[in-house]
N, C-alpha and C. Protein backbone atom coordinates (compact mmCIF):
# COMPACT_ATOMS: atom_id res chain seq x y z
N MET A 1 -39.95 -3.23 -64.71
CA MET A 1 -38.73 -3.49 -64.20
C MET A 1 -38.66 -4.03 -62.47
N GLN A 2 -38.31 -5.10 -62.25
CA GLN A 2 -38.09 -5.51 -61.20
C GLN A 2 -37.24 -5.09 -60.25
N GLN A 3 -37.21 -4.41 -58.66
CA GLN A 3 -36.02 -4.20 -58.48
C GLN A 3 -35.27 -5.29 -57.45
N LYS A 4 -33.88 -5.21 -57.40
CA LYS A 4 -32.89 -6.39 -57.12
C LYS A 4 -32.73 -5.76 -55.64
N ASN A 5 -33.00 -6.37 -54.64
CA ASN A 5 -32.17 -6.08 -53.13
C ASN A 5 -30.60 -6.25 -53.15
N TRP A 6 -29.82 -5.18 -53.08
CA TRP A 6 -28.55 -5.16 -53.07
C TRP A 6 -27.91 -6.31 -51.56
N ARG A 7 -26.86 -6.64 -52.29
CA ARG A 7 -26.42 -7.97 -51.49
C ARG A 7 -24.83 -7.52 -51.56
N TRP A 8 -24.24 -7.88 -50.90
CA TRP A 8 -22.55 -8.18 -51.34
C TRP A 8 -22.33 -9.41 -52.44
N ASN A 9 -21.39 -9.33 -52.63
CA ASN A 9 -21.40 -10.41 -53.96
C ASN A 9 -20.22 -11.27 -53.38
N VAL A 10 -20.35 -11.92 -52.17
CA VAL A 10 -19.50 -12.58 -51.67
C VAL A 10 -20.59 -13.94 -51.04
N SER A 11 -19.76 -14.94 -50.80
CA SER A 11 -20.57 -16.08 -50.47
C SER A 11 -21.02 -15.91 -48.79
N PRO A 12 -22.17 -16.53 -48.49
CA PRO A 12 -23.30 -16.03 -47.61
C PRO A 12 -22.16 -16.47 -46.30
N ILE A 13 -21.28 -17.68 -46.46
CA ILE A 13 -20.57 -18.06 -45.19
C ILE A 13 -19.58 -16.96 -44.89
N LEU A 14 -19.07 -16.67 -45.99
CA LEU A 14 -17.96 -15.32 -45.89
C LEU A 14 -18.93 -14.18 -45.44
N GLU A 15 -20.02 -13.84 -45.81
CA GLU A 15 -20.56 -12.90 -44.87
C GLU A 15 -20.90 -12.91 -43.82
N ASN A 16 -21.32 -13.97 -43.05
CA ASN A 16 -21.59 -14.28 -41.76
C ASN A 16 -20.30 -14.09 -40.88
N ILE A 17 -19.01 -14.30 -41.66
CA ILE A 17 -17.97 -14.27 -41.05
C ILE A 17 -17.53 -12.69 -40.68
N LEU A 18 -17.93 -12.19 -42.04
CA LEU A 18 -17.69 -10.65 -41.33
C LEU A 18 -18.51 -9.96 -40.76
N ILE A 19 -19.70 -10.11 -40.62
CA ILE A 19 -20.59 -10.00 -39.65
C ILE A 19 -19.81 -10.26 -38.03
N GLY A 20 -19.70 -11.57 -38.10
CA GLY A 20 -18.96 -11.79 -36.72
C GLY A 20 -18.02 -10.80 -36.56
N ALA A 21 -17.09 -10.76 -37.42
CA ALA A 21 -16.07 -9.77 -37.08
C ALA A 21 -15.98 -8.52 -36.98
N ALA A 22 -17.10 -8.04 -37.46
CA ALA A 22 -17.58 -6.44 -36.74
C ALA A 22 -18.35 -6.21 -35.76
N VAL A 23 -19.15 -7.51 -35.10
CA VAL A 23 -19.21 -7.72 -33.78
C VAL A 23 -18.43 -7.73 -32.68
N ILE A 24 -17.33 -8.64 -33.18
CA ILE A 24 -16.22 -8.86 -32.32
C ILE A 24 -15.45 -7.39 -32.15
N LEU A 25 -15.40 -6.72 -33.19
CA LEU A 25 -14.56 -5.32 -33.07
C LEU A 25 -15.20 -4.36 -31.98
N ALA A 26 -16.45 -4.33 -32.23
CA ALA A 26 -17.18 -3.85 -31.26
C ALA A 26 -17.42 -3.50 -29.92
N LEU A 27 -17.34 -5.08 -29.59
CA LEU A 27 -17.17 -5.50 -28.46
C LEU A 27 -15.76 -4.99 -27.67
N ALA A 28 -15.06 -5.38 -28.48
CA ALA A 28 -13.10 -4.92 -27.77
C ALA A 28 -13.44 -3.44 -27.97
N GLY A 29 -14.28 -2.64 -28.83
CA GLY A 29 -14.03 -1.52 -28.38
C GLY A 29 -14.65 -1.02 -27.21
N LEU A 30 -15.97 -1.73 -26.85
CA LEU A 30 -16.50 -1.18 -25.79
C LEU A 30 -15.74 -1.91 -24.44
N ARG A 31 -15.29 -3.07 -24.59
CA ARG A 31 -14.35 -3.15 -23.77
C ARG A 31 -13.45 -2.31 -23.29
N HIS A 32 -12.78 -1.67 -24.08
CA HIS A 32 -11.21 -1.06 -23.83
C HIS A 32 -11.81 0.46 -23.60
N MET A 33 -13.08 0.87 -24.15
CA MET A 33 -13.53 2.26 -23.36
C MET A 33 -13.63 1.80 -22.20
N ASN A 34 -14.26 0.65 -21.24
CA ASN A 34 -14.57 0.44 -19.99
C ASN A 34 -13.41 0.40 -19.29
N ILE A 35 -11.98 -0.29 -20.06
CA ILE A 35 -10.82 -0.11 -19.01
C ILE A 35 -10.42 1.28 -19.04
N LEU A 36 -10.40 2.03 -19.85
CA LEU A 36 -9.96 3.46 -20.09
C LEU A 36 -10.62 4.12 -18.81
N ARG A 37 -11.87 4.08 -18.82
CA ARG A 37 -12.63 4.93 -17.79
C ARG A 37 -12.42 4.19 -16.40
N ARG A 38 -12.09 2.78 -15.82
CA ARG A 38 -12.06 2.32 -14.64
C ARG A 38 -10.31 2.91 -14.29
N ARG A 39 -9.41 2.89 -15.49
CA ARG A 39 -8.06 3.63 -14.98
C ARG A 39 -8.15 5.39 -14.83
N ARG A 40 -8.84 5.77 -15.10
CA ARG A 40 -9.00 7.06 -14.90
C ARG A 40 -9.67 7.32 -13.34
N ASN A 41 -10.99 6.69 -13.18
CA ASN A 41 -11.31 6.55 -11.76
C ASN A 41 -10.65 6.26 -10.96
N ARG A 42 -9.41 5.17 -11.10
CA ARG A 42 -8.39 4.87 -10.06
C ARG A 42 -7.73 5.67 -9.55
N ARG A 43 -6.76 6.60 -10.86
CA ARG A 43 -5.99 7.91 -10.50
C ARG A 43 -6.64 8.72 -9.89
N ILE A 44 -8.24 9.27 -9.99
CA ILE A 44 -8.93 10.38 -9.37
C ILE A 44 -8.54 9.98 -8.24
N GLU A 45 -9.13 8.68 -8.09
CA GLU A 45 -9.26 8.09 -6.45
C GLU A 45 -8.19 8.05 -5.55
N ARG A 46 -6.85 7.59 -6.58
CA ARG A 46 -5.37 7.59 -5.74
C ARG A 46 -5.21 9.09 -5.43
N GLU A 47 -5.56 10.18 -6.37
CA GLU A 47 -4.91 11.71 -6.10
C GLU A 47 -5.58 12.11 -4.93
N LYS A 48 -7.01 11.93 -4.95
CA LYS A 48 -8.21 12.29 -3.75
C LYS A 48 -7.40 11.40 -2.22
N HIS A 49 -7.13 10.10 -2.69
CA HIS A 49 -6.55 9.94 -1.21
C HIS A 49 -4.98 10.33 -0.85
N GLU A 50 -4.18 10.75 -1.80
CA GLU A 50 -2.57 11.49 -1.71
C GLU A 50 -3.20 12.57 -0.80
N GLN A 51 -4.05 13.37 -1.20
CA GLN A 51 -4.63 14.55 -0.86
C GLN A 51 -4.80 14.79 0.57
N TRP A 52 -5.57 13.69 1.11
CA TRP A 52 -6.21 13.24 1.97
C TRP A 52 -5.10 13.00 3.07
N LEU A 53 -4.53 11.88 2.51
CA LEU A 53 -2.89 11.65 3.29
C LEU A 53 -1.96 12.94 3.52
N LYS A 54 -1.78 13.75 2.73
CA LYS A 54 -1.30 15.04 3.07
C LYS A 54 -1.58 16.02 4.44
N THR A 55 -3.05 15.87 4.20
CA THR A 55 -3.75 16.74 4.96
C THR A 55 -3.54 15.93 6.48
N MET A 56 -3.79 14.60 6.54
CA MET A 56 -3.39 14.06 7.87
C MET A 56 -1.93 14.41 8.09
N ALA A 57 -1.14 14.19 7.56
CA ALA A 57 0.37 13.99 7.98
C ALA A 57 0.68 15.49 8.30
N ARG A 58 -0.49 16.46 8.11
CA ARG A 58 -0.25 18.04 8.86
C ARG A 58 -0.72 17.77 9.72
N MET A 59 -1.44 17.20 9.88
CA MET A 59 -2.49 17.39 11.43
C MET A 59 -2.01 16.33 12.72
N GLU A 60 -1.40 15.41 12.10
CA GLU A 60 -0.89 14.23 13.22
C GLU A 60 0.69 14.63 14.11
N PRO A 61 0.47 14.20 15.00
CA PRO A 61 1.75 14.84 15.83
C PRO A 61 2.94 13.80 15.52
N GLU A 62 3.92 14.32 15.46
CA GLU A 62 4.95 13.69 15.26
C GLU A 62 5.55 12.95 16.80
N ALA A 63 5.95 11.70 16.39
CA ALA A 63 6.42 10.64 17.36
C ALA A 63 8.05 10.79 17.68
N PRO A 64 8.16 10.93 18.73
CA PRO A 64 9.96 10.74 18.70
C PRO A 64 10.37 9.90 17.80
N PRO A 65 11.91 9.90 17.55
CA PRO A 65 12.75 8.87 16.90
C PRO A 65 12.97 7.89 17.90
N GLY A 66 12.97 6.90 17.31
CA GLY A 66 13.09 5.60 18.09
C GLY A 66 13.35 4.48 17.30
N ILE A 67 13.99 3.44 18.22
CA ILE A 67 13.74 2.12 17.47
C ILE A 67 12.50 1.39 17.80
N TYR A 68 11.78 0.85 16.55
CA TYR A 68 10.62 0.12 16.94
C TYR A 68 10.34 -1.24 16.56
N ARG A 69 9.81 -2.17 17.50
CA ARG A 69 10.11 -3.32 17.06
C ARG A 69 8.96 -3.89 16.03
N MET A 70 9.30 -4.64 15.47
CA MET A 70 8.44 -5.15 14.68
C MET A 70 7.83 -6.34 14.97
N GLY A 71 6.43 -6.47 15.09
CA GLY A 71 5.30 -7.39 15.63
C GLY A 71 4.95 -8.53 14.76
N ILE A 72 4.61 -9.63 14.92
CA ILE A 72 4.25 -10.74 14.17
C ILE A 72 2.83 -10.86 13.88
N ALA A 73 2.47 -10.85 12.69
CA ALA A 73 0.47 -10.78 12.70
C ALA A 73 0.77 -11.76 11.36
N MET A 74 -0.66 -11.65 10.85
CA MET A 74 -1.05 -12.84 10.26
C MET A 74 -0.16 -13.04 8.95
N ASP A 75 0.32 -11.50 8.56
CA ASP A 75 0.84 -11.45 7.12
C ASP A 75 2.06 -11.54 7.49
N GLY A 76 2.68 -11.68 8.80
CA GLY A 76 4.12 -11.79 9.23
C GLY A 76 5.02 -10.66 8.83
N ILE A 77 4.35 -9.61 7.96
CA ILE A 77 5.44 -8.48 7.89
C ILE A 77 5.07 -7.01 8.91
N THR A 78 4.05 -7.37 9.79
CA THR A 78 3.78 -6.16 10.26
C THR A 78 4.51 -5.56 11.77
N PRO A 79 4.80 -4.23 11.22
CA PRO A 79 5.69 -2.98 12.24
C PRO A 79 4.99 -2.93 13.13
N ILE A 80 5.03 -2.63 14.23
CA ILE A 80 4.51 -2.25 15.32
C ILE A 80 4.59 -0.91 15.55
N PHE A 81 3.18 -0.12 15.08
CA PHE A 81 3.37 1.23 15.34
C PHE A 81 2.39 2.01 15.90
N THR A 82 2.58 3.19 16.58
CA THR A 82 1.63 4.29 17.10
C THR A 82 0.62 4.24 15.99
N ASN A 83 -0.42 3.97 15.83
CA ASN A 83 -1.57 4.30 14.81
C ASN A 83 -1.51 5.84 14.76
N GLY A 84 -1.55 6.33 13.86
CA GLY A 84 -1.62 7.91 13.58
C GLY A 84 -0.96 8.28 14.25
N ALA A 85 0.64 8.20 13.79
CA ALA A 85 1.41 9.25 14.44
C ALA A 85 2.66 9.07 13.31
N HIS A 86 3.33 10.31 13.31
CA HIS A 86 4.33 10.28 12.57
C HIS A 86 5.51 9.94 13.17
N ILE A 87 6.45 8.80 12.62
CA ILE A 87 7.33 8.33 13.21
C ILE A 87 8.78 8.42 12.07
N ARG A 88 9.86 9.08 12.96
CA ARG A 88 11.08 9.02 12.37
C ARG A 88 11.61 8.04 12.80
N LEU A 89 11.84 7.26 11.40
CA LEU A 89 12.12 5.77 11.92
C LEU A 89 13.87 5.50 12.07
N ALA A 90 14.38 5.17 13.46
CA ALA A 90 15.74 5.00 13.42
C ALA A 90 16.08 3.40 13.50
N GLY A 91 15.50 2.71 13.59
CA GLY A 91 15.76 1.45 13.01
C GLY A 91 14.48 0.18 13.69
N VAL A 92 14.77 -1.00 13.34
CA VAL A 92 14.01 -1.85 13.76
C VAL A 92 14.34 -2.97 14.49
N ILE A 93 13.80 -3.66 14.90
CA ILE A 93 14.67 -5.08 15.57
C ILE A 93 13.12 -6.24 15.19
N LYS A 94 13.98 -7.11 14.42
CA LYS A 94 12.97 -7.87 14.23
C LYS A 94 12.84 -9.41 15.21
N PRO A 95 11.49 -9.56 15.04
CA PRO A 95 11.31 -10.56 16.51
C PRO A 95 12.13 -12.05 16.18
N GLU A 96 12.31 -12.29 17.04
CA GLU A 96 12.26 -13.77 17.10
C GLU A 96 11.24 -14.88 16.38
N GLY A 97 11.61 -15.81 16.07
CA GLY A 97 10.73 -16.46 15.21
C GLY A 97 10.05 -15.93 14.19
N ASP A 98 9.84 -14.99 13.73
CA ASP A 98 9.33 -14.44 12.65
C ASP A 98 10.06 -15.02 11.50
N ARG A 99 9.31 -16.15 10.71
CA ARG A 99 10.00 -16.73 9.36
C ARG A 99 9.34 -15.63 8.37
N PHE A 100 8.67 -15.19 8.36
CA PHE A 100 7.93 -14.12 7.21
C PHE A 100 8.55 -12.80 7.14
N GLY A 101 9.33 -12.52 8.31
CA GLY A 101 9.40 -10.86 8.22
C GLY A 101 10.63 -10.76 7.47
N ASP A 102 11.47 -11.20 6.83
CA ASP A 102 12.58 -10.82 6.18
C ASP A 102 12.48 -9.74 5.31
N GLU A 103 11.39 -9.77 4.38
CA GLU A 103 11.07 -9.02 3.31
C GLU A 103 10.96 -7.27 3.94
N ALA A 104 9.70 -7.32 4.96
CA ALA A 104 9.40 -6.63 5.74
C ALA A 104 10.69 -5.71 6.19
N PHE A 105 11.31 -6.59 6.91
CA PHE A 105 12.32 -6.03 7.80
C PHE A 105 13.44 -5.52 6.84
N ARG A 106 13.37 -5.56 5.52
CA ARG A 106 14.53 -5.13 4.57
C ARG A 106 13.83 -3.58 4.19
N ILE A 107 12.62 -3.31 4.12
CA ILE A 107 11.88 -2.51 3.62
C ILE A 107 11.92 -1.67 4.45
N LEU A 108 11.72 -1.59 5.86
CA LEU A 108 11.70 -0.55 6.96
C LEU A 108 13.19 -0.60 7.20
N GLU A 109 14.11 -1.39 7.41
CA GLU A 109 15.35 -1.19 7.05
C GLU A 109 15.86 0.12 6.14
N SER A 110 15.67 -0.11 4.99
CA SER A 110 15.85 0.99 4.14
C SER A 110 14.78 2.27 4.54
N LEU A 111 14.09 2.38 5.29
CA LEU A 111 13.28 3.80 5.26
C LEU A 111 14.02 4.33 6.90
N LYS A 112 14.99 3.79 7.11
CA LYS A 112 15.62 4.81 8.44
C LYS A 112 15.85 6.25 7.96
N GLY A 113 15.54 6.92 9.09
CA GLY A 113 15.81 8.43 8.94
C GLY A 113 14.16 9.13 8.35
N ARG A 114 13.42 8.14 7.63
CA ARG A 114 12.02 8.75 6.97
C ARG A 114 11.18 9.04 7.99
N ARG A 115 10.41 9.90 7.60
CA ARG A 115 9.08 9.96 8.38
C ARG A 115 7.99 9.16 7.69
N ILE A 116 7.16 8.06 8.66
CA ILE A 116 6.63 7.04 8.42
C ILE A 116 4.93 7.55 8.78
N LEU A 117 4.05 7.78 8.05
CA LEU A 117 2.31 7.75 9.03
C LEU A 117 2.02 6.33 8.98
N VAL A 118 1.42 6.08 10.05
CA VAL A 118 0.73 4.46 9.93
C VAL A 118 -0.89 5.22 10.19
N LEU A 119 -1.85 4.70 9.61
CA LEU A 119 -3.00 4.94 10.20
C LEU A 119 -4.12 3.78 9.49
N PRO A 120 -5.03 3.82 10.37
CA PRO A 120 -6.22 2.74 10.34
C PRO A 120 -6.39 2.50 8.73
N ALA A 121 -6.53 1.47 8.29
CA ALA A 121 -6.65 1.46 6.68
C ALA A 121 -7.89 2.01 6.34
N TRP A 122 -8.08 3.29 5.59
CA TRP A 122 -8.95 4.06 5.16
C TRP A 122 -9.97 3.73 4.65
N ARG A 123 -10.17 2.11 3.74
CA ARG A 123 -11.15 2.03 2.99
C ARG A 123 -11.92 0.71 3.92
N GLU A 124 -11.18 0.21 5.03
CA GLU A 124 -11.79 -1.20 5.41
C GLU A 124 -12.37 -0.81 6.63
N GLN A 125 -11.78 0.54 7.01
CA GLN A 125 -12.69 1.19 8.59
C GLN A 125 -12.74 0.19 9.49
N ARG A 126 -11.17 -0.43 9.65
CA ARG A 126 -11.00 -1.36 10.75
C ARG A 126 -9.84 -1.26 11.31
N MET A 127 -9.98 -1.25 12.56
CA MET A 127 -8.91 -1.08 13.53
C MET A 127 -7.89 -1.72 13.63
N ASP A 128 -8.02 -3.20 13.19
CA ASP A 128 -6.92 -4.22 13.15
C ASP A 128 -6.19 -4.35 12.25
N HIS A 129 -6.97 -3.39 10.81
CA HIS A 129 -5.87 -3.25 9.55
C HIS A 129 -5.15 -1.98 9.71
N ALA A 130 -3.89 -1.70 9.15
CA ALA A 130 -3.46 -0.19 9.18
C ALA A 130 -2.75 -0.13 7.85
N HIS A 131 -2.40 1.22 7.44
CA HIS A 131 -1.80 1.42 6.16
C HIS A 131 -0.46 2.11 6.69
N MET A 132 0.46 1.94 6.11
CA MET A 132 2.06 2.46 6.34
C MET A 132 2.16 3.46 5.30
N TYR A 133 2.51 4.86 5.15
CA TYR A 133 2.89 5.66 4.14
C TYR A 133 4.11 6.32 4.16
N ASP A 134 4.75 6.48 3.66
CA ASP A 134 6.34 7.40 3.80
C ASP A 134 5.43 8.72 3.32
N ILE A 135 5.76 9.74 4.41
CA ILE A 135 5.32 11.43 4.61
C ILE A 135 5.95 12.01 3.15
N GLU A 136 7.47 11.64 3.11
CA GLU A 136 8.33 12.22 2.08
C GLU A 136 7.57 12.18 0.87
N THR A 137 7.02 11.09 0.67
CA THR A 137 6.49 10.51 -1.09
C THR A 137 5.25 10.94 -1.22
N GLY A 138 4.66 10.41 0.14
CA GLY A 138 2.95 10.41 -0.22
C GLY A 138 2.63 8.90 -0.43
N ARG A 139 3.40 8.20 -0.49
CA ARG A 139 3.41 6.58 -1.35
C ARG A 139 3.05 5.60 -0.34
N SER A 140 2.30 4.91 -0.44
CA SER A 140 1.86 4.10 0.40
C SER A 140 2.86 2.57 0.53
N ILE A 141 3.63 2.18 1.47
CA ILE A 141 4.17 1.45 1.63
C ILE A 141 4.08 0.00 1.70
N ALA A 142 2.80 -0.29 2.80
CA ALA A 142 2.41 -1.55 3.23
C ALA A 142 1.05 -1.42 3.50
N HIS A 143 0.26 -2.32 3.31
CA HIS A 143 -1.01 -2.83 4.16
C HIS A 143 -0.68 -3.71 5.05
N MET A 144 -1.10 -3.45 6.08
CA MET A 144 -0.88 -4.46 7.40
C MET A 144 -1.87 -5.06 8.52
N MET A 145 -1.64 -6.19 9.11
CA MET A 145 -2.72 -6.16 10.14
C MET A 145 -1.92 -6.32 11.21
N LEU A 146 -2.41 -4.93 12.17
CA LEU A 146 -1.91 -5.03 13.71
C LEU A 146 -2.44 -6.03 14.75
N ASP A 147 -1.07 -6.23 15.09
CA ASP A 147 -1.48 -7.49 16.31
C ASP A 147 -1.40 -7.13 17.71
N ARG A 148 -0.88 -5.75 17.58
CA ARG A 148 -0.58 -5.04 19.24
C ARG A 148 -0.40 -3.27 19.02
N LYS A 149 -0.10 -3.05 20.04
CA LYS A 149 0.11 -1.45 20.02
C LYS A 149 1.29 -1.37 19.58
N ALA A 150 2.01 -0.15 19.15
CA ALA A 150 3.54 0.20 18.64
C ALA A 150 4.17 0.65 20.24
N VAL A 151 5.39 0.05 20.18
CA VAL A 151 6.04 0.02 20.97
C VAL A 151 7.49 0.38 20.50
N ARG A 152 7.85 1.99 21.40
CA ARG A 152 8.85 2.46 21.29
C ARG A 152 10.06 2.05 22.08
N ILE A 153 10.98 1.84 22.18
CA ILE A 153 11.67 0.72 22.92
C ILE A 153 12.96 1.86 23.49
N ASP A 154 12.58 2.19 24.84
CA ASP A 154 13.14 2.93 25.71
C ASP A 154 14.45 2.54 26.17
N PRO A 155 15.50 3.19 26.01
CA PRO A 155 16.89 2.20 26.56
C PRO A 155 16.78 2.27 28.28
N LYS A 156 16.46 3.23 28.91
CA LYS A 156 16.18 3.46 30.32
C LYS A 156 15.55 2.00 30.51
N ASN A 157 14.17 1.73 30.11
CA ASN A 157 13.20 1.13 30.25
C ASN A 157 12.88 -0.22 29.35
N PRO A 158 13.89 -0.74 28.59
CA PRO A 158 13.84 -1.56 27.35
C PRO A 158 12.53 -2.71 27.39
N GLU A 159 11.81 -2.62 26.24
CA GLU A 159 10.91 -3.80 26.36
C GLU A 159 11.52 -5.43 25.87
N LEU A 160 12.39 -5.03 25.32
CA LEU A 160 13.77 -5.92 24.58
C LEU A 160 15.01 -5.92 25.73
N PRO A 161 15.38 -6.95 25.95
CA PRO A 161 17.06 -6.77 26.33
C PRO A 161 17.90 -5.89 25.98
N ALA A 162 18.67 -4.74 26.68
CA ALA A 162 19.16 -3.90 25.83
C ALA A 162 20.35 -4.63 25.14
N SER A 163 20.79 -5.92 25.72
CA SER A 163 21.79 -6.43 24.95
C SER A 163 21.17 -6.77 23.25
N LEU A 164 19.85 -7.34 22.91
CA LEU A 164 19.66 -6.76 21.57
C LEU A 164 19.69 -5.59 20.97
N LEU A 165 20.01 -4.44 21.79
CA LEU A 165 20.19 -3.27 20.88
C LEU A 165 21.71 -2.92 20.57
N THR A 166 22.42 -2.56 19.56
CA THR A 166 23.73 -2.10 18.84
C THR A 166 23.59 -0.98 19.73
N LYS A 167 25.14 -0.48 19.80
CA LYS A 167 25.11 0.87 20.31
C LYS A 167 24.39 1.85 19.64
N GLU A 168 24.89 2.01 18.32
CA GLU A 168 24.31 2.67 17.55
C GLU A 168 22.57 3.00 17.77
N GLN A 169 21.91 1.82 17.78
CA GLN A 169 20.29 1.60 18.17
C GLN A 169 19.97 2.48 19.38
N ARG A 170 20.87 2.25 20.53
CA ARG A 170 20.79 2.64 21.72
C ARG A 170 20.69 4.47 22.15
N SER A 171 21.78 4.64 21.15
CA SER A 171 21.87 6.09 20.84
C SER A 171 20.88 6.84 20.46
N ALA A 172 20.50 6.24 19.16
CA ALA A 172 19.13 6.69 18.60
C ALA A 172 17.79 6.73 19.35
N CYS A 173 17.81 5.76 20.22
CA CYS A 173 16.56 5.50 21.06
C CYS A 173 16.60 6.88 22.00
N ALA A 174 17.84 7.03 22.61
CA ALA A 174 18.19 7.99 23.63
C ALA A 174 17.90 9.52 23.00
N ALA A 175 18.15 9.48 21.46
CA ALA A 175 18.06 10.98 21.07
C ALA A 175 16.56 11.63 21.13
């Protein structure tokens, strides 16, 4: 008695299609596992970074409240802040001729009264890049290019003409 090799009772074309579908499903499963692993790694990295940020926020001195002038940089949204200082933002003055800064200006205006921490970018390790964080939430607000040092506008010796400051801003500066 001769033994028969077992085969599906389907046409060879359909058999090839089924094998192809199984391979595609296996590859999709591997890709999905990869995506899940990447997501988990990103979450762990973010949590580590937030912990680091909280530590930095405890260590850094708080700068006096003041009106801070926005700088014009390559990305057009650079606020000029002291690197590594907490700043309680009283207001922001948009520089003349900054065509890109409207969005950033709105973001910064919405942060009035909040404590902000500006540090050199932690990944790039470059001094001309910085990250701005909202200390209360620990969230990153913006990544920016720094083109100048921070300027706190002193009402007694303002870098900008005092006429640019509103009465409200002048009193916030003096506080």
